[in-house]
Amino acid sequence: MAGGENEKEAGTRLSLGELDWRKSENFIEEHADIVMISDIKERGLVFLDFGKMDFEGFESKRGVYSIRNPYIKHVARIRLTTSHFEQVVSLLQNRLKEIKEGKGEG
């Protein structure tokens, strides 16, 4: 995307804390992400699945309401080789260490 309005839009920064949905009372319930890590050892692949917890509705059992048919609403999947996954884990561990050292935790 080069030139004109697209270039102007690309140059603006968005603060996530200023988004209306981040300020909502039910942010965790409505927007919290779920990450599931699965692998296929025989093929040397690792999958990172991102999604949101959802359900089909409510049901009443003996006067107590509970959610009906909970499921993960799939948002995105990242496929990595095992060696690339190891590199990602290493980068995340290094970043976590930097964050903890910056806060004086570690």
N, C-alpha and C. Protein backbone atom coordinates (compact mmCIF):
# COMPACT_ATOMS: atom_id res chain seq x y z
N MET A 1 0.84 -1.18 0.00
CA MET A 1 0.00 0.00 0.00
C MET A 1 0.88 1.23 0.00
N ALA A 2 1.01 1.84 -1.11
CA ALA A 2 1.86 3.01 -1.20
C ALA A 2 1.07 4.19 -1.72
N GLY A 3 1.40 5.36 -1.18
CA GLY A 3 0.84 6.60 -1.70
C GLY A 3 -0.51 6.96 -1.12
N GLY A 4 -0.81 8.27 -1.20
CA GLY A 4 -2.12 8.79 -0.85
C GLY A 4 -2.58 8.49 0.56
N GLU A 5 -3.87 8.22 0.67
CA GLU A 5 -4.48 7.99 1.98
C GLU A 5 -3.94 6.74 2.66
N ASN A 6 -3.63 5.70 1.90
CA ASN A 6 -3.11 4.48 2.50
C ASN A 6 -1.79 4.74 3.21
N GLU A 7 -0.94 5.57 2.61
CA GLU A 7 0.34 5.89 3.23
C GLU A 7 0.12 6.67 4.52
N LYS A 8 -0.83 7.60 4.50
CA LYS A 8 -1.14 8.38 5.69
C LYS A 8 -1.66 7.47 6.80
N GLU A 9 -2.56 6.53 6.46
CA GLU A 9 -3.10 5.61 7.45
C GLU A 9 -2.02 4.72 8.04
N ALA A 10 -1.09 4.27 7.20
CA ALA A 10 -0.03 3.38 7.67
C ALA A 10 0.89 4.09 8.65
N GLY A 11 0.99 5.42 8.55
CA GLY A 11 1.87 6.17 9.42
C GLY A 11 1.28 6.47 10.78
N THR A 12 -0.01 6.26 10.97
CA THR A 12 -0.63 6.55 12.26
C THR A 12 -0.48 5.36 13.19
N ARG A 13 -0.36 5.66 14.48
CA ARG A 13 -0.24 4.60 15.48
C ARG A 13 -1.52 4.54 16.29
N LEU A 14 -1.87 3.35 16.67
CA LEU A 14 -3.10 3.13 17.42
C LEU A 14 -2.75 2.63 18.81
N SER A 15 -3.28 3.30 19.82
CA SER A 15 -3.09 2.86 21.20
C SER A 15 -4.23 1.92 21.56
N LEU A 16 -3.91 0.66 21.84
CA LEU A 16 -4.94 -0.32 22.14
C LEU A 16 -5.78 0.07 23.36
N GLY A 17 -5.17 0.75 24.32
CA GLY A 17 -5.90 1.15 25.52
C GLY A 17 -7.00 2.16 25.24
N GLU A 18 -6.92 2.85 24.10
CA GLU A 18 -7.92 3.85 23.76
C GLU A 18 -9.11 3.28 22.99
N LEU A 19 -9.03 2.03 22.60
CA LEU A 19 -10.13 1.42 21.86
C LEU A 19 -11.33 1.21 22.78
N ASP A 20 -12.51 1.53 22.29
CA ASP A 20 -13.72 1.41 23.10
C ASP A 20 -13.92 -0.01 23.62
N TRP A 21 -13.69 -1.01 22.79
CA TRP A 21 -13.93 -2.38 23.24
C TRP A 21 -12.94 -2.81 24.31
N ARG A 22 -11.76 -2.16 24.40
CA ARG A 22 -10.81 -2.48 25.48
C ARG A 22 -11.30 -1.92 26.80
N LYS A 23 -12.13 -0.89 26.75
CA LYS A 23 -12.63 -0.25 27.97
C LYS A 23 -13.91 -0.91 28.48
N SER A 24 -14.48 -1.81 27.71
CA SER A 24 -15.76 -2.39 28.09
C SER A 24 -15.63 -3.24 29.35
N GLU A 25 -16.72 -3.33 30.11
CA GLU A 25 -16.72 -4.10 31.35
C GLU A 25 -16.52 -5.58 31.12
N ASN A 26 -16.96 -6.08 29.97
CA ASN A 26 -16.87 -7.51 29.69
C ASN A 26 -15.75 -7.82 28.71
N PHE A 27 -14.66 -7.06 28.78
CA PHE A 27 -13.55 -7.25 27.84
C PHE A 27 -13.03 -8.68 27.86
N ILE A 28 -12.81 -9.23 29.05
CA ILE A 28 -12.25 -10.58 29.14
C ILE A 28 -13.19 -11.59 28.50
N GLU A 29 -14.47 -11.51 28.84
CA GLU A 29 -15.43 -12.48 28.31
C GLU A 29 -15.60 -12.35 26.80
N GLU A 30 -15.58 -11.13 26.30
CA GLU A 30 -15.87 -10.90 24.89
C GLU A 30 -14.65 -11.00 23.98
N HIS A 31 -13.47 -10.65 24.50
CA HIS A 31 -12.33 -10.49 23.61
C HIS A 31 -11.08 -11.27 24.00
N ALA A 32 -11.13 -12.01 25.10
CA ALA A 32 -9.94 -12.73 25.54
C ALA A 32 -9.59 -13.81 24.52
N ASP A 33 -8.32 -13.89 24.21
CA ASP A 33 -7.85 -14.88 23.25
C ASP A 33 -7.45 -16.17 23.95
N ILE A 34 -7.59 -17.24 23.23
CA ILE A 34 -7.18 -18.56 23.70
C ILE A 34 -6.11 -19.05 22.74
N VAL A 35 -5.06 -19.59 23.27
CA VAL A 35 -4.01 -20.16 22.43
C VAL A 35 -3.91 -21.64 22.75
N MET A 36 -3.94 -22.45 21.72
CA MET A 36 -3.75 -23.88 21.88
C MET A 36 -2.55 -24.28 21.04
N ILE A 37 -1.67 -25.07 21.63
CA ILE A 37 -0.49 -25.54 20.92
C ILE A 37 -0.65 -27.04 20.69
N SER A 38 -0.57 -27.44 19.45
CA SER A 38 -0.66 -28.86 19.12
C SER A 38 0.47 -29.22 18.16
N ASP A 39 0.75 -30.49 18.05
CA ASP A 39 1.86 -30.89 17.19
C ASP A 39 1.55 -32.20 16.48
N ILE A 40 2.27 -32.38 15.37
CA ILE A 40 2.26 -33.64 14.64
C ILE A 40 3.72 -34.09 14.60
N LYS A 41 4.09 -34.91 15.56
CA LYS A 41 5.49 -35.31 15.71
C LYS A 41 6.04 -35.99 14.45
N GLU A 42 5.20 -36.82 13.82
CA GLU A 42 5.67 -37.56 12.64
C GLU A 42 6.08 -36.63 11.50
N ARG A 43 5.45 -35.46 11.43
CA ARG A 43 5.75 -34.51 10.35
C ARG A 43 6.62 -33.35 10.81
N GLY A 44 6.94 -33.30 12.11
CA GLY A 44 7.78 -32.23 12.63
C GLY A 44 7.12 -30.87 12.57
N LEU A 45 5.80 -30.82 12.82
CA LEU A 45 5.06 -29.56 12.75
C LEU A 45 4.44 -29.22 14.10
N VAL A 46 4.34 -27.92 14.35
CA VAL A 46 3.68 -27.40 15.54
C VAL A 46 2.65 -26.37 15.06
N PHE A 47 1.46 -26.41 15.64
CA PHE A 47 0.40 -25.48 15.30
C PHE A 47 0.07 -24.61 16.50
N LEU A 48 0.01 -23.30 16.28
CA LEU A 48 -0.46 -22.36 17.30
C LEU A 48 -1.84 -21.90 16.84
N ASP A 49 -2.87 -22.29 17.57
CA ASP A 49 -4.24 -21.91 17.22
C ASP A 49 -4.71 -20.81 18.16
N PHE A 50 -5.25 -19.74 17.59
CA PHE A 50 -5.76 -18.62 18.35
C PHE A 50 -7.27 -18.56 18.16
N GLY A 51 -7.98 -18.26 19.23
CA GLY A 51 -9.43 -18.18 19.13
C GLY A 51 -10.04 -17.50 20.32
N LYS A 52 -11.36 -17.62 20.41
CA LYS A 52 -12.13 -16.99 21.46
C LYS A 52 -13.14 -18.02 21.97
N MET A 53 -13.30 -18.10 23.26
CA MET A 53 -14.27 -19.01 23.84
C MET A 53 -15.68 -18.51 23.53
N ASP A 54 -16.53 -19.39 23.07
CA ASP A 54 -17.91 -19.03 22.77
C ASP A 54 -18.82 -20.21 23.14
N PHE A 55 -20.10 -20.02 23.06
CA PHE A 55 -21.04 -21.09 23.38
C PHE A 55 -22.33 -20.85 22.62
N GLU A 56 -23.16 -21.89 22.53
CA GLU A 56 -24.38 -21.81 21.74
C GLU A 56 -25.56 -21.22 22.49
N GLY A 57 -25.47 -21.08 23.76
CA GLY A 57 -26.57 -20.52 24.55
C GLY A 57 -26.54 -21.03 25.97
N PHE A 58 -27.64 -20.84 26.67
CA PHE A 58 -27.75 -21.28 28.06
C PHE A 58 -28.78 -22.39 28.17
N GLU A 59 -28.61 -23.22 29.18
CA GLU A 59 -29.62 -24.23 29.47
C GLU A 59 -29.82 -24.29 30.98
N SER A 60 -31.01 -24.70 31.36
CA SER A 60 -31.35 -24.77 32.78
C SER A 60 -31.47 -26.23 33.19
N LYS A 61 -30.71 -26.59 34.19
CA LYS A 61 -30.80 -27.94 34.77
C LYS A 61 -31.12 -27.78 36.25
N ARG A 62 -32.29 -28.23 36.62
CA ARG A 62 -32.75 -28.16 38.02
C ARG A 62 -32.66 -26.73 38.57
N GLY A 63 -33.03 -25.77 37.73
CA GLY A 63 -33.05 -24.37 38.17
C GLY A 63 -31.72 -23.66 38.12
N VAL A 64 -30.67 -24.34 37.68
CA VAL A 64 -29.34 -23.74 37.59
C VAL A 64 -29.00 -23.56 36.11
N TYR A 65 -28.64 -22.34 35.74
CA TYR A 65 -28.29 -22.07 34.36
C TYR A 65 -26.81 -22.36 34.11
N SER A 66 -26.55 -22.95 32.98
CA SER A 66 -25.16 -23.19 32.57
C SER A 66 -25.07 -22.97 31.07
N ILE A 67 -23.85 -22.79 30.59
CA ILE A 67 -23.69 -22.57 29.16
C ILE A 67 -23.88 -23.88 28.41
N ARG A 68 -24.39 -23.78 27.19
CA ARG A 68 -24.67 -24.97 26.38
C ARG A 68 -23.66 -25.04 25.23
N ASN A 69 -23.04 -26.19 25.11
CA ASN A 69 -22.10 -26.49 24.02
C ASN A 69 -20.99 -25.45 23.85
N PRO A 70 -20.12 -25.31 24.85
CA PRO A 70 -19.00 -24.38 24.70
C PRO A 70 -18.04 -24.86 23.61
N TYR A 71 -17.44 -23.91 22.90
CA TYR A 71 -16.47 -24.24 21.86
C TYR A 71 -15.51 -23.08 21.67
N ILE A 72 -14.45 -23.33 20.96
CA ILE A 72 -13.49 -22.27 20.65
C ILE A 72 -13.76 -21.79 19.23
N LYS A 73 -14.07 -20.51 19.10
CA LYS A 73 -14.30 -19.90 17.80
C LYS A 73 -12.92 -19.61 17.20
N HIS A 74 -12.57 -20.35 16.18
CA HIS A 74 -11.23 -20.28 15.60
C HIS A 74 -11.00 -18.94 14.92
N VAL A 75 -9.85 -18.32 15.18
CA VAL A 75 -9.51 -17.04 14.59
C VAL A 75 -8.34 -17.18 13.63
N ALA A 76 -7.26 -17.81 14.08
CA ALA A 76 -6.07 -17.92 13.24
C ALA A 76 -5.26 -19.14 13.63
N ARG A 77 -4.48 -19.64 12.68
CA ARG A 77 -3.58 -20.76 12.94
C ARG A 77 -2.23 -20.42 12.33
N ILE A 78 -1.18 -20.66 13.12
CA ILE A 78 0.19 -20.50 12.64
C ILE A 78 0.83 -21.88 12.64
N ARG A 79 1.38 -22.27 11.49
CA ARG A 79 2.03 -23.57 11.36
C ARG A 79 3.54 -23.34 11.32
N LEU A 80 4.26 -24.04 12.18
CA LEU A 80 5.71 -23.91 12.27
C LEU A 80 6.35 -25.29 12.23
N THR A 81 7.58 -25.33 11.74
CA THR A 81 8.34 -26.56 11.91
C THR A 81 8.80 -26.61 13.36
N THR A 82 9.16 -27.78 13.83
CA THR A 82 9.61 -27.91 15.21
C THR A 82 10.81 -27.02 15.49
N SER A 83 11.75 -26.95 14.56
CA SER A 83 12.94 -26.11 14.78
C SER A 83 12.58 -24.63 14.83
N HIS A 84 11.64 -24.18 14.00
CA HIS A 84 11.21 -22.78 14.08
C HIS A 84 10.46 -22.52 15.38
N PHE A 85 9.67 -23.49 15.84
CA PHE A 85 8.96 -23.34 17.10
C PHE A 85 9.96 -23.18 18.25
N GLU A 86 11.04 -23.96 18.23
CA GLU A 86 12.09 -23.84 19.25
C GLU A 86 12.68 -22.44 19.24
N GLN A 87 12.89 -21.87 18.06
CA GLN A 87 13.43 -20.51 17.96
C GLN A 87 12.45 -19.48 18.51
N VAL A 88 11.16 -19.66 18.22
CA VAL A 88 10.14 -18.75 18.74
C VAL A 88 10.10 -18.82 20.26
N VAL A 89 10.14 -20.03 20.81
CA VAL A 89 10.13 -20.21 22.27
C VAL A 89 11.35 -19.52 22.88
N SER A 90 12.50 -19.68 22.26
CA SER A 90 13.72 -19.04 22.76
C SER A 90 13.58 -17.52 22.77
N LEU A 91 13.03 -16.96 21.69
CA LEU A 91 12.82 -15.51 21.63
C LEU A 91 11.86 -15.04 22.72
N LEU A 92 10.79 -15.80 22.93
CA LEU A 92 9.83 -15.43 23.97
C LEU A 92 10.44 -15.52 25.36
N GLN A 93 11.26 -16.55 25.60
CA GLN A 93 11.92 -16.67 26.91
C GLN A 93 12.88 -15.50 27.13
N ASN A 94 13.62 -15.13 26.10
CA ASN A 94 14.54 -13.99 26.23
C ASN A 94 13.78 -12.70 26.50
N ARG A 95 12.68 -12.51 25.81
CA ARG A 95 11.87 -11.30 26.00
C ARG A 95 11.27 -11.27 27.40
N LEU A 96 10.78 -12.40 27.89
CA LEU A 96 10.24 -12.48 29.24
C LEU A 96 11.32 -12.15 30.27
N LYS A 97 12.52 -12.65 30.06
CA LYS A 97 13.63 -12.35 30.96
C LYS A 97 13.91 -10.85 30.98
N GLU A 98 13.91 -10.21 29.82
CA GLU A 98 14.13 -8.76 29.74
C GLU A 98 13.04 -8.00 30.49
N ILE A 99 11.80 -8.44 30.32
CA ILE A 99 10.68 -7.78 30.99
C ILE A 99 10.82 -7.90 32.51
N LYS A 100 11.13 -9.10 32.99
CA LYS A 100 11.28 -9.31 34.43
C LYS A 100 12.45 -8.52 34.99
N GLU A 101 13.56 -8.47 34.27
CA GLU A 101 14.71 -7.70 34.73
C GLU A 101 14.39 -6.22 34.77
N GLY A 102 13.59 -5.75 33.81
CA GLY A 102 13.18 -4.35 33.77
C GLY A 102 12.29 -3.98 34.94
N LYS A 103 11.55 -4.94 35.47
CA LYS A 103 10.67 -4.71 36.61
C LYS A 103 11.36 -5.03 37.93
N GLY A 104 12.61 -5.47 37.87
CA GLY A 104 13.35 -5.80 39.07
C GLY A 104 12.96 -7.13 39.69
N GLU A 105 12.40 -8.03 38.89
CA GLU A 105 11.96 -9.32 39.41
C GLU A 105 13.02 -10.39 39.29
N GLY A 106 14.00 -10.16 38.46
CA GLY A 106 14.76 -11.32 38.27
C GLY A 106 16.14 -11.36 37.93
